[in-house]
């Protein structure tokens, strides 16, 4: 068990921020979600279009790709808008989102179609990439269901469930789901994406101000696993499950 001392916002070390999933947030995307982790807000949309990248033409398989951007007013000072070329951080994050979501999609069953995932940060307060993955999973499930209803897919390509969360070392102790004040002061941080059952899809861990011991790594990973289990249940409830 983690220690019960509270954090700057009153949360316990193993406590998520308030999580909210608002489905069908926009009218035209097959799937759209406003994903909220505390004060972080990410608009996640999913759309399926016919056609695949050139290297996949004629192979009978589909593709999933992701784009990520922070809107100019998402941070305290105006963030320059990504124009023709996203900045390095955005590229790294959108690759992470794409890798994570491809793990839960059978591209063969998608056919020669591309599933586009767009994640736009409306308001940033830490954990934007993990909120994007968690919300985008719900959006893609809705997009696939909409495409199947129209007869565009013969069978659902979704073959798993994924969510993500951050953990870190703040003032020497492991905590779950860092907001911006914690993230900016963290000794170390970690982003984890997992499937239902605990299989790890991606881990990003960085010693910002100190190295991470194996014991600390294990403690952060345990916190992340517990938080992701909660997120999986929140996703399922949002999609109409139990």
C-alpha atoms as a PDB file:
ATOM      1  CA  UNK A   1       0.000   0.000   0.000  1.00  0.00           C
ATOM      2  CA  UNK A   2       1.144   3.526  -0.677  1.00  0.00           C
ATOM      3  CA  UNK A   3       1.430   6.061   2.095  1.00  0.00           C
ATOM      4  CA  UNK A   4      -1.693   8.081   2.714  1.00  0.00           C
ATOM      5  CA  UNK A   5      -0.164  11.571   2.993  1.00  0.00           C
ATOM      6  CA  UNK A   6      -2.048  13.981   0.760  1.00  0.00           C
ATOM      7  CA  UNK A   7      -0.659  15.950  -2.163  1.00  0.00           C
ATOM      8  CA  UNK A   8      -0.951  19.657  -2.967  1.00  0.00           C
ATOM      9  CA  UNK A   9      -4.476  19.133  -4.326  1.00  0.00           C
ATOM     10  CA  UNK A  10      -5.532  16.837  -1.481  1.00  0.00           C
ATOM     11  CA  UNK A  11      -5.225  13.555  -3.401  1.00  0.00           C
ATOM     12  CA  UNK A  12      -3.643  10.445  -1.943  1.00  0.00           C
ATOM     13  CA  UNK A  13      -0.505   9.116  -3.692  1.00  0.00           C
ATOM     14  CA  UNK A  14      -2.506   6.418  -5.519  1.00  0.00           C
ATOM     15  CA  UNK A  15      -5.474   8.615  -6.444  1.00  0.00           C
ATOM     16  CA  UNK A  16      -6.404   9.688  -9.965  1.00  0.00           C
ATOM     17  CA  UNK A  17      -7.648  13.136 -10.743  1.00  0.00           C
ATOM     18  CA  UNK A  18     -11.335  13.409 -11.596  1.00  0.00           C
ATOM     19  CA  UNK A  19     -11.758  11.536 -14.880  1.00  0.00           C
ATOM     20  CA  UNK A  20     -14.582  12.278 -17.299  1.00  0.00           C
ATOM     21  CA  UNK A  21     -15.358  10.904 -20.772  1.00  0.00           C
ATOM     22  CA  UNK A  22     -17.863  12.853 -22.865  1.00  0.00           C
ATOM     23  CA  UNK A  23     -18.730  10.810 -25.970  1.00  0.00           C
ATOM     24  CA  UNK A  24     -20.170  12.088 -29.267  1.00  0.00           C
ATOM     25  CA  UNK A  25     -18.672  15.505 -28.547  1.00  0.00           C
ATOM     26  CA  UNK A  26     -18.642  16.572 -32.207  1.00  0.00           C
ATOM     27  CA  UNK A  27     -21.161  15.851 -34.934  1.00  0.00           C
ATOM     28  CA  UNK A  28     -19.160  14.692 -37.947  1.00  0.00           C
ATOM     29  CA  UNK A  29     -16.484  12.287 -36.675  1.00  0.00           C
ATOM     30  CA  UNK A  30     -17.364   8.600 -36.426  1.00  0.00           C
ATOM     31  CA  UNK A  31     -16.125   8.748 -32.848  1.00  0.00           C
ATOM     32  CA  UNK A  32     -15.419  11.808 -30.742  1.00  0.00           C
ATOM     33  CA  UNK A  33     -14.578  12.178 -27.069  1.00  0.00           C
ATOM     34  CA  UNK A  34     -13.764  15.062 -24.775  1.00  0.00           C
ATOM     35  CA  UNK A  35     -11.334  13.394 -22.373  1.00  0.00           C
ATOM     36  CA  UNK A  36     -10.762  15.087 -19.024  1.00  0.00           C
ATOM     37  CA  UNK A  37      -8.070  14.206 -16.511  1.00  0.00           C
ATOM     38  CA  UNK A  38      -8.614  16.903 -13.891  1.00  0.00           C
ATOM     39  CA  UNK A  39      -8.056  20.213 -15.666  1.00  0.00           C
ATOM     40  CA  UNK A  40      -6.473  18.560 -18.707  1.00  0.00           C
ATOM     41  CA  UNK A  41      -8.900  18.456 -21.628  1.00  0.00           C
ATOM     42  CA  UNK A  42      -8.169  16.606 -24.867  1.00  0.00           C
ATOM     43  CA  UNK A  43     -10.528  16.339 -27.830  1.00  0.00           C
ATOM     44  CA  UNK A  44     -10.052  12.878 -29.368  1.00  0.00           C
ATOM     45  CA  UNK A  45     -11.684  12.070 -32.695  1.00  0.00           C
ATOM     46  CA  UNK A  46     -11.585   8.959 -34.875  1.00  0.00           C
ATOM     47  CA  UNK A  47     -12.563   8.746 -38.535  1.00  0.00           C
ATOM     48  CA  UNK A  48     -12.281   5.934 -41.066  1.00  0.00           C
ATOM     49  CA  UNK A  49     -11.428   6.772 -44.666  1.00  0.00           C
ATOM     50  CA  UNK A  50     -10.996   4.435 -47.652  1.00  0.00           C
ATOM     51  CA  UNK A  51      -7.431   3.891 -48.827  1.00  0.00           C
ATOM     52  CA  UNK A  52      -4.096   3.122 -47.212  1.00  0.00           C
ATOM     53  CA  UNK A  53      -0.522   4.436 -47.467  1.00  0.00           C
ATOM     54  CA  UNK A  54       1.326   3.467 -50.671  1.00  0.00           C
ATOM     55  CA  UNK A  55       3.313   0.651 -49.060  1.00  0.00           C
ATOM     56  CA  UNK A  56       0.064  -1.138 -48.080  1.00  0.00           C
ATOM     57  CA  UNK A  57      -1.863  -0.852 -51.343  1.00  0.00           C
ATOM     58  CA  UNK A  58      -3.037  -4.259 -52.563  1.00  0.00           C
ATOM     59  CA  UNK A  59      -2.073  -6.086 -49.352  1.00  0.00           C
ATOM     60  CA  UNK A  60      -5.589  -6.330 -47.979  1.00  0.00           C
ATOM     61  CA  UNK A  61      -4.742  -4.646 -44.708  1.00  0.00           C
ATOM     62  CA  UNK A  62      -5.591  -1.307 -43.180  1.00  0.00           C
ATOM     63  CA  UNK A  63      -3.669   1.285 -41.209  1.00  0.00           C
ATOM     64  CA  UNK A  64      -4.107   3.392 -38.087  1.00  0.00           C
ATOM     65  CA  UNK A  65      -2.307   6.687 -37.688  1.00  0.00           C
ATOM     66  CA  UNK A  66      -2.506   9.473 -35.119  1.00  0.00           C
ATOM     67  CA  UNK A  67      -1.956  13.203 -35.013  1.00  0.00           C
ATOM     68  CA  UNK A  68      -1.525  15.280 -31.840  1.00  0.00           C
ATOM     69  CA  UNK A  69      -1.412  19.008 -31.295  1.00  0.00           C
ATOM     70  CA  UNK A  70      -1.701  21.524 -28.497  1.00  0.00           C
ATOM     71  CA  UNK A  71      -3.937  24.461 -29.334  1.00  0.00           C
ATOM     72  CA  UNK A  72      -2.455  27.956 -28.860  1.00  0.00           C
ATOM     73  CA  UNK A  73      -4.506  28.704 -25.732  1.00  0.00           C
ATOM     74  CA  UNK A  74      -4.002  25.303 -24.109  1.00  0.00           C
ATOM     75  CA  UNK A  75      -1.105  26.574 -21.959  1.00  0.00           C
ATOM     76  CA  UNK A  76      -0.533  29.661 -19.794  1.00  0.00           C
ATOM     77  CA  UNK A  77       1.500  31.370 -22.502  1.00  0.00           C
ATOM     78  CA  UNK A  78       0.358  31.079 -26.114  1.00  0.00           C
ATOM     79  CA  UNK A  79       1.758  27.985 -27.805  1.00  0.00           C
ATOM     80  CA  UNK A  80       2.751  28.569 -31.390  1.00  0.00           C
ATOM     81  CA  UNK A  81       0.383  26.669 -33.656  1.00  0.00           C
ATOM     82  CA  UNK A  82       1.810  23.665 -35.496  1.00  0.00           C
ATOM     83  CA  UNK A  83       1.615  24.618 -39.173  1.00  0.00           C
ATOM     84  CA  UNK A  84       2.962  22.406 -41.928  1.00  0.00           C
ATOM     85  CA  UNK A  85       5.385  20.582 -39.626  1.00  0.00           C
ATOM     86  CA  UNK A  86       4.586  19.626 -36.001  1.00  0.00           C
ATOM     87  CA  UNK A  87       7.252  20.219 -33.374  1.00  0.00           C
ATOM     88  CA  UNK A  88       9.423  17.365 -32.124  1.00  0.00           C
ATOM     89  CA  UNK A  89       7.369  16.798 -28.985  1.00  0.00           C
ATOM     90  CA  UNK A  90       4.134  16.534 -30.958  1.00  0.00           C
ATOM     91  CA  UNK A  91       5.720  14.050 -33.372  1.00  0.00           C
ATOM     92  CA  UNK A  92       6.946  11.881 -30.501  1.00  0.00           C
ATOM     93  CA  UNK A  93       3.543  11.898 -28.808  1.00  0.00           C
ATOM     94  CA  UNK A  94       1.529  11.158 -31.933  1.00  0.00           C
ATOM     95  CA  UNK A  95       3.805   8.219 -32.688  1.00  0.00           C
ATOM     96  CA  UNK A  96       3.189   6.950 -29.159  1.00  0.00           C
ATOM     97  CA  UNK A  97      -0.581   7.270 -29.598  1.00  0.00           C
ATOM     98  CA  UNK A  98      -0.475   5.445 -32.925  1.00  0.00           C
ATOM     99  CA  UNK A  99       1.684   2.605 -31.570  1.00  0.00           C
ATOM    100  CA  UNK A 100      -0.548   2.167 -28.549  1.00  0.00           C
ATOM    101  CA  UNK A 101      -3.815   2.056 -30.457  1.00  0.00           C
ATOM    102  CA  UNK A 102      -2.515  -0.221 -33.212  1.00  0.00           C
ATOM    103  CA  UNK A 103      -2.014  -2.777 -30.456  1.00  0.00           C
ATOM    104  CA  UNK A 104      -5.795  -3.070 -30.019  1.00  0.00           C
ATOM    105  CA  UNK A 105      -6.812  -3.053 -33.692  1.00  0.00           C
ATOM    106  CA  UNK A 106      -6.643  -5.991 -36.095  1.00  0.00           C
ATOM    107  CA  UNK A 107      -5.500  -4.187 -39.238  1.00  0.00           C
ATOM    108  CA  UNK A 108      -6.455  -7.132 -41.443  1.00  0.00           C
ATOM    109  CA  UNK A 109     -10.091  -6.806 -40.373  1.00  0.00           C
ATOM    110  CA  UNK A 110      -9.955  -3.069 -41.036  1.00  0.00           C
ATOM    111  CA  UNK A 111      -9.546  -3.814 -44.738  1.00  0.00           C
ATOM    112  CA  UNK A 112      -7.872  -1.275 -47.013  1.00  0.00           C
ATOM    113  CA  UNK A 113      -9.040   1.637 -44.899  1.00  0.00           C
ATOM    114  CA  UNK A 114      -7.207   4.115 -42.708  1.00  0.00           C
ATOM    115  CA  UNK A 115      -8.367   4.865 -39.195  1.00  0.00           C
ATOM    116  CA  UNK A 116      -7.368   8.446 -38.384  1.00  0.00           C
ATOM    117  CA  UNK A 117      -6.959   9.426 -34.741  1.00  0.00           C
ATOM    118  CA  UNK A 118      -6.726  13.148 -33.963  1.00  0.00           C
ATOM    119  CA  UNK A 119      -5.944  14.357 -30.458  1.00  0.00           C
ATOM    120  CA  UNK A 120      -6.100  18.103 -29.846  1.00  0.00           C
ATOM    121  CA  UNK A 121      -5.231  19.476 -26.429  1.00  0.00           C
ATOM    122  CA  UNK A 122      -7.735  22.167 -25.466  1.00  0.00           C
ATOM    123  CA  UNK A 123      -6.311  22.696 -21.983  1.00  0.00           C
ATOM    124  CA  UNK A 124      -3.072  21.287 -20.574  1.00  0.00           C
ATOM    125  CA  UNK A 125      -2.479  20.532 -16.902  1.00  0.00           C
ATOM    126  CA  UNK A 126      -0.196  17.513 -17.165  1.00  0.00           C
ATOM    127  CA  UNK A 127      -0.780  14.066 -18.634  1.00  0.00           C
ATOM    128  CA  UNK A 128      -1.938  15.128 -22.086  1.00  0.00           C
ATOM    129  CA  UNK A 129      -0.471  12.093 -23.857  1.00  0.00           C
ATOM    130  CA  UNK A 130      -2.022   9.631 -21.435  1.00  0.00           C
ATOM    131  CA  UNK A 131      -5.390  11.389 -21.618  1.00  0.00           C
ATOM    132  CA  UNK A 132      -5.109  11.265 -25.419  1.00  0.00           C
ATOM    133  CA  UNK A 133      -4.547   7.495 -25.489  1.00  0.00           C
ATOM    134  CA  UNK A 134      -7.332   6.825 -22.996  1.00  0.00           C
ATOM    135  CA  UNK A 135      -9.871   9.016 -24.785  1.00  0.00           C
ATOM    136  CA  UNK A 136      -8.827   7.955 -28.281  1.00  0.00           C
ATOM    137  CA  UNK A 137      -9.540   4.325 -27.458  1.00  0.00           C
ATOM    138  CA  UNK A 138     -13.183   5.180 -26.760  1.00  0.00           C
ATOM    139  CA  UNK A 139     -13.377   7.341 -29.883  1.00  0.00           C
ATOM    140  CA  UNK A 140     -12.034   4.559 -32.110  1.00  0.00           C
ATOM    141  CA  UNK A 141     -14.505   2.030 -30.672  1.00  0.00           C
ATOM    142  CA  UNK A 142     -17.330   4.413 -31.567  1.00  0.00           C
ATOM    143  CA  UNK A 143     -15.890   5.081 -35.039  1.00  0.00           C
ATOM    144  CA  UNK A 144     -15.623   1.361 -35.769  1.00  0.00           C
ATOM    145  CA  UNK A 145     -19.182   0.778 -34.565  1.00  0.00           C
ATOM    146  CA  UNK A 146     -20.452   3.596 -36.806  1.00  0.00           C
ATOM    147  CA  UNK A 147     -18.590   2.179 -39.820  1.00  0.00           C
ATOM    148  CA  UNK A 148     -19.935  -1.331 -39.172  1.00  0.00           C
ATOM    149  CA  UNK A 149     -23.482   0.035 -38.927  1.00  0.00           C
ATOM    150  CA  UNK A 150     -23.048   1.579 -42.381  1.00  0.00           C
ATOM    151  CA  UNK A 151     -21.797  -1.746 -43.749  1.00  0.00           C
ATOM    152  CA  UNK A 152     -18.251  -0.481 -44.311  1.00  0.00           C
ATOM    153  CA  UNK A 153     -16.696  -3.197 -42.134  1.00  0.00           C
ATOM    154  CA  UNK A 154     -17.557  -6.895 -42.118  1.00  0.00           C
ATOM    155  CA  UNK A 155     -16.266  -7.503 -38.584  1.00  0.00           C
ATOM    156  CA  UNK A 156     -15.012  -5.319 -35.785  1.00  0.00           C
ATOM    157  CA  UNK A 157     -11.218  -4.860 -35.876  1.00  0.00           C
ATOM    158  CA  UNK A 158     -11.062  -3.848 -32.213  1.00  0.00           C
ATOM    159  CA  UNK A 159      -9.446  -6.707 -30.307  1.00  0.00           C
ATOM    160  CA  UNK A 160      -8.485  -5.167 -26.977  1.00  0.00           C
ATOM    161  CA  UNK A 161      -8.790  -2.236 -24.606  1.00  0.00           C
ATOM    162  CA  UNK A 162      -6.023   0.201 -23.743  1.00  0.00           C
ATOM    163  CA  UNK A 163      -5.605   3.118 -21.367  1.00  0.00           C
ATOM    164  CA  UNK A 164      -2.651   5.117 -20.109  1.00  0.00           C
ATOM    165  CA  UNK A 165      -1.616   7.145 -17.083  1.00  0.00           C
ATOM    166  CA  UNK A 166       1.412   8.878 -15.618  1.00  0.00           C
ATOM    167  CA  UNK A 167       3.268   8.249 -12.377  1.00  0.00           C
ATOM    168  CA  UNK A 168       6.268   9.986 -10.873  1.00  0.00           C
ATOM    169  CA  UNK A 169       8.536  10.709  -7.960  1.00  0.00           C
ATOM    170  CA  UNK A 170       7.546  13.965  -6.280  1.00  0.00           C
ATOM    171  CA  UNK A 171       9.435  15.015  -3.164  1.00  0.00           C
ATOM    172  CA  UNK A 172      10.954  11.551  -3.058  1.00  0.00           C
ATOM    173  CA  UNK A 173       7.710   9.556  -3.073  1.00  0.00           C
ATOM    174  CA  UNK A 174       5.849   7.795  -5.883  1.00  0.00           C
ATOM    175  CA  UNK A 175       2.518   9.341  -6.918  1.00  0.00           C
ATOM    176  CA  UNK A 176      -0.079   8.640  -9.599  1.00  0.00           C
ATOM    177  CA  UNK A 177      -1.426  10.881 -12.384  1.00  0.00           C
ATOM    178  CA  UNK A 178       0.709  14.006 -12.107  1.00  0.00           C
ATOM    179  CA  UNK A 179      -0.812  17.398 -12.757  1.00  0.00           C
ATOM    180  CA  UNK A 180       1.341  20.246 -14.081  1.00  0.00           C
ATOM    181  CA  UNK A 181       2.679  21.529 -10.729  1.00  0.00           C
ATOM    182  CA  UNK A 182       3.772  17.988  -9.827  1.00  0.00           C
ATOM    183  CA  UNK A 183       5.098  17.191 -13.288  1.00  0.00           C
ATOM    184  CA  UNK A 184       7.192  20.359 -13.432  1.00  0.00           C
ATOM    185  CA  UNK A 185       8.739  19.609 -10.018  1.00  0.00           C
ATOM    186  CA  UNK A 186       9.046  15.809 -10.328  1.00  0.00           C
ATOM    187  CA  UNK A 187      12.331  14.067  -9.641  1.00  0.00           C
ATOM    188  CA  UNK A 188      11.301  11.429 -12.177  1.00  0.00           C
ATOM    189  CA  UNK A 189       8.254  10.633 -14.261  1.00  0.00           C
ATOM    190  CA  UNK A 190       6.765   7.709 -16.131  1.00  0.00           C
ATOM    191  CA  UNK A 191       4.013   7.255 -18.722  1.00  0.00           C
ATOM    192  CA  UNK A 192       2.503   3.790 -19.015  1.00  0.00           C
ATOM    193  CA  UNK A 193       0.005   2.277 -21.464  1.00  0.00           C
ATOM    194  CA  UNK A 194      -1.540  -1.088 -20.594  1.00  0.00           C
ATOM    195  CA  UNK A 195      -4.135  -3.541 -21.825  1.00  0.00           C
ATOM    196  CA  UNK A 196      -6.855  -5.076 -19.684  1.00  0.00           C
ATOM    197  CA  UNK A 197      -5.138  -7.714 -17.565  1.00  0.00           C
ATOM    198  CA  UNK A 198      -1.977  -5.672 -17.080  1.00  0.00           C
ATOM    199  CA  UNK A 199       0.046  -6.393 -20.221  1.00  0.00           C
ATOM    200  CA  UNK A 200       2.332  -3.437 -20.892  1.00  0.00           C
ATOM    201  CA  UNK A 201       2.205  -1.806 -24.320  1.00  0.00           C
ATOM    202  CA  UNK A 202       4.496   1.159 -23.666  1.00  0.00           C
ATOM    203  CA  UNK A 203       6.566   2.600 -20.815  1.00  0.00           C
ATOM    204  CA  UNK A 204       8.389   5.916 -20.905  1.00  0.00           C
ATOM    205  CA  UNK A 205      10.403   6.605 -17.748  1.00  0.00           C
ATOM    206  CA  UNK A 206      12.799   9.507 -17.254  1.00  0.00           C
ATOM    207  CA  UNK A 207      14.935  10.586 -14.325  1.00  0.00           C
ATOM    208  CA  UNK A 208      14.442  14.352 -14.511  1.00  0.00           C
ATOM    209  CA  UNK A 209      16.444  15.338 -11.434  1.00  0.00           C
ATOM    210  CA  UNK A 210      17.613  11.976 -10.134  1.00  0.00           C
ATOM    211  CA  UNK A 211      18.128   8.423 -11.299  1.00  0.00           C
ATOM    212  CA  UNK A 212      15.393   5.860 -10.729  1.00  0.00           C
ATOM    213  CA  UNK A 213      16.153   2.850  -8.559  1.00  0.00           C
ATOM    214  CA  UNK A 214      14.616  -0.534  -9.385  1.00  0.00           C
ATOM    215  CA  UNK A 215      12.493  -0.234  -6.244  1.00  0.00           C
ATOM    216  CA  UNK A 216      11.199   3.186  -7.264  1.00  0.00           C
ATOM    217  CA  UNK A 217      10.535   1.981 -10.816  1.00  0.00           C
ATOM    218  CA  UNK A 218       8.517  -0.946  -9.479  1.00  0.00           C
ATOM    219  CA  UNK A 219       6.555   1.343  -7.144  1.00  0.00           C
ATOM    220  CA  UNK A 220       5.650   3.748  -9.954  1.00  0.00           C
ATOM    221  CA  UNK A 221       4.695   0.877 -12.255  1.00  0.00           C
ATOM    222  CA  UNK A 222       2.444  -0.584  -9.539  1.00  0.00           C
ATOM    223  CA  UNK A 223       0.713   2.773  -9.108  1.00  0.00           C
ATOM    224  CA  UNK A 224       0.246   3.065 -12.877  1.00  0.00           C
ATOM    225  CA  UNK A 225      -1.215  -0.448 -13.102  1.00  0.00           C
ATOM    226  CA  UNK A 226      -3.755   0.342 -10.392  1.00  0.00           C
ATOM    227  CA  UNK A 227      -4.716   3.631 -12.045  1.00  0.00           C
ATOM    228  CA  UNK A 228      -5.060   2.055 -15.488  1.00  0.00           C
ATOM    229  CA  UNK A 229      -7.316  -0.621 -14.053  1.00  0.00           C
ATOM    230  CA  UNK A 230      -9.617   2.165 -12.871  1.00  0.00           C
ATOM    231  CA  UNK A 231      -9.439   3.860 -16.283  1.00  0.00           C
ATOM    232  CA  UNK A 232     -10.391   0.628 -18.045  1.00  0.00           C
ATOM    233  CA  UNK A 233     -13.504   0.452 -15.888  1.00  0.00           C
ATOM    234  CA  UNK A 234     -14.339   4.105 -16.604  1.00  0.00           C
ATOM    235  CA  UNK A 235     -13.939   3.460 -20.356  1.00  0.00           C
ATOM    236  CA  UNK A 236     -16.203   0.418 -20.168  1.00  0.00           C
ATOM    237  CA  UNK A 237     -18.896   2.333 -18.296  1.00  0.00           C
ATOM    238  CA  UNK A 238     -18.701   5.175 -20.818  1.00  0.00           C
ATOM    239  CA  UNK A 239     -19.175   2.677 -23.655  1.00  0.00           C
ATOM    240  CA  UNK A 240     -22.188   1.147 -21.940  1.00  0.00           C
ATOM    241  CA  UNK A 241     -20.560  -1.776 -20.175  1.00  0.00           C
ATOM    242  CA  UNK A 242     -20.530  -2.495 -16.465  1.00  0.00           C
END
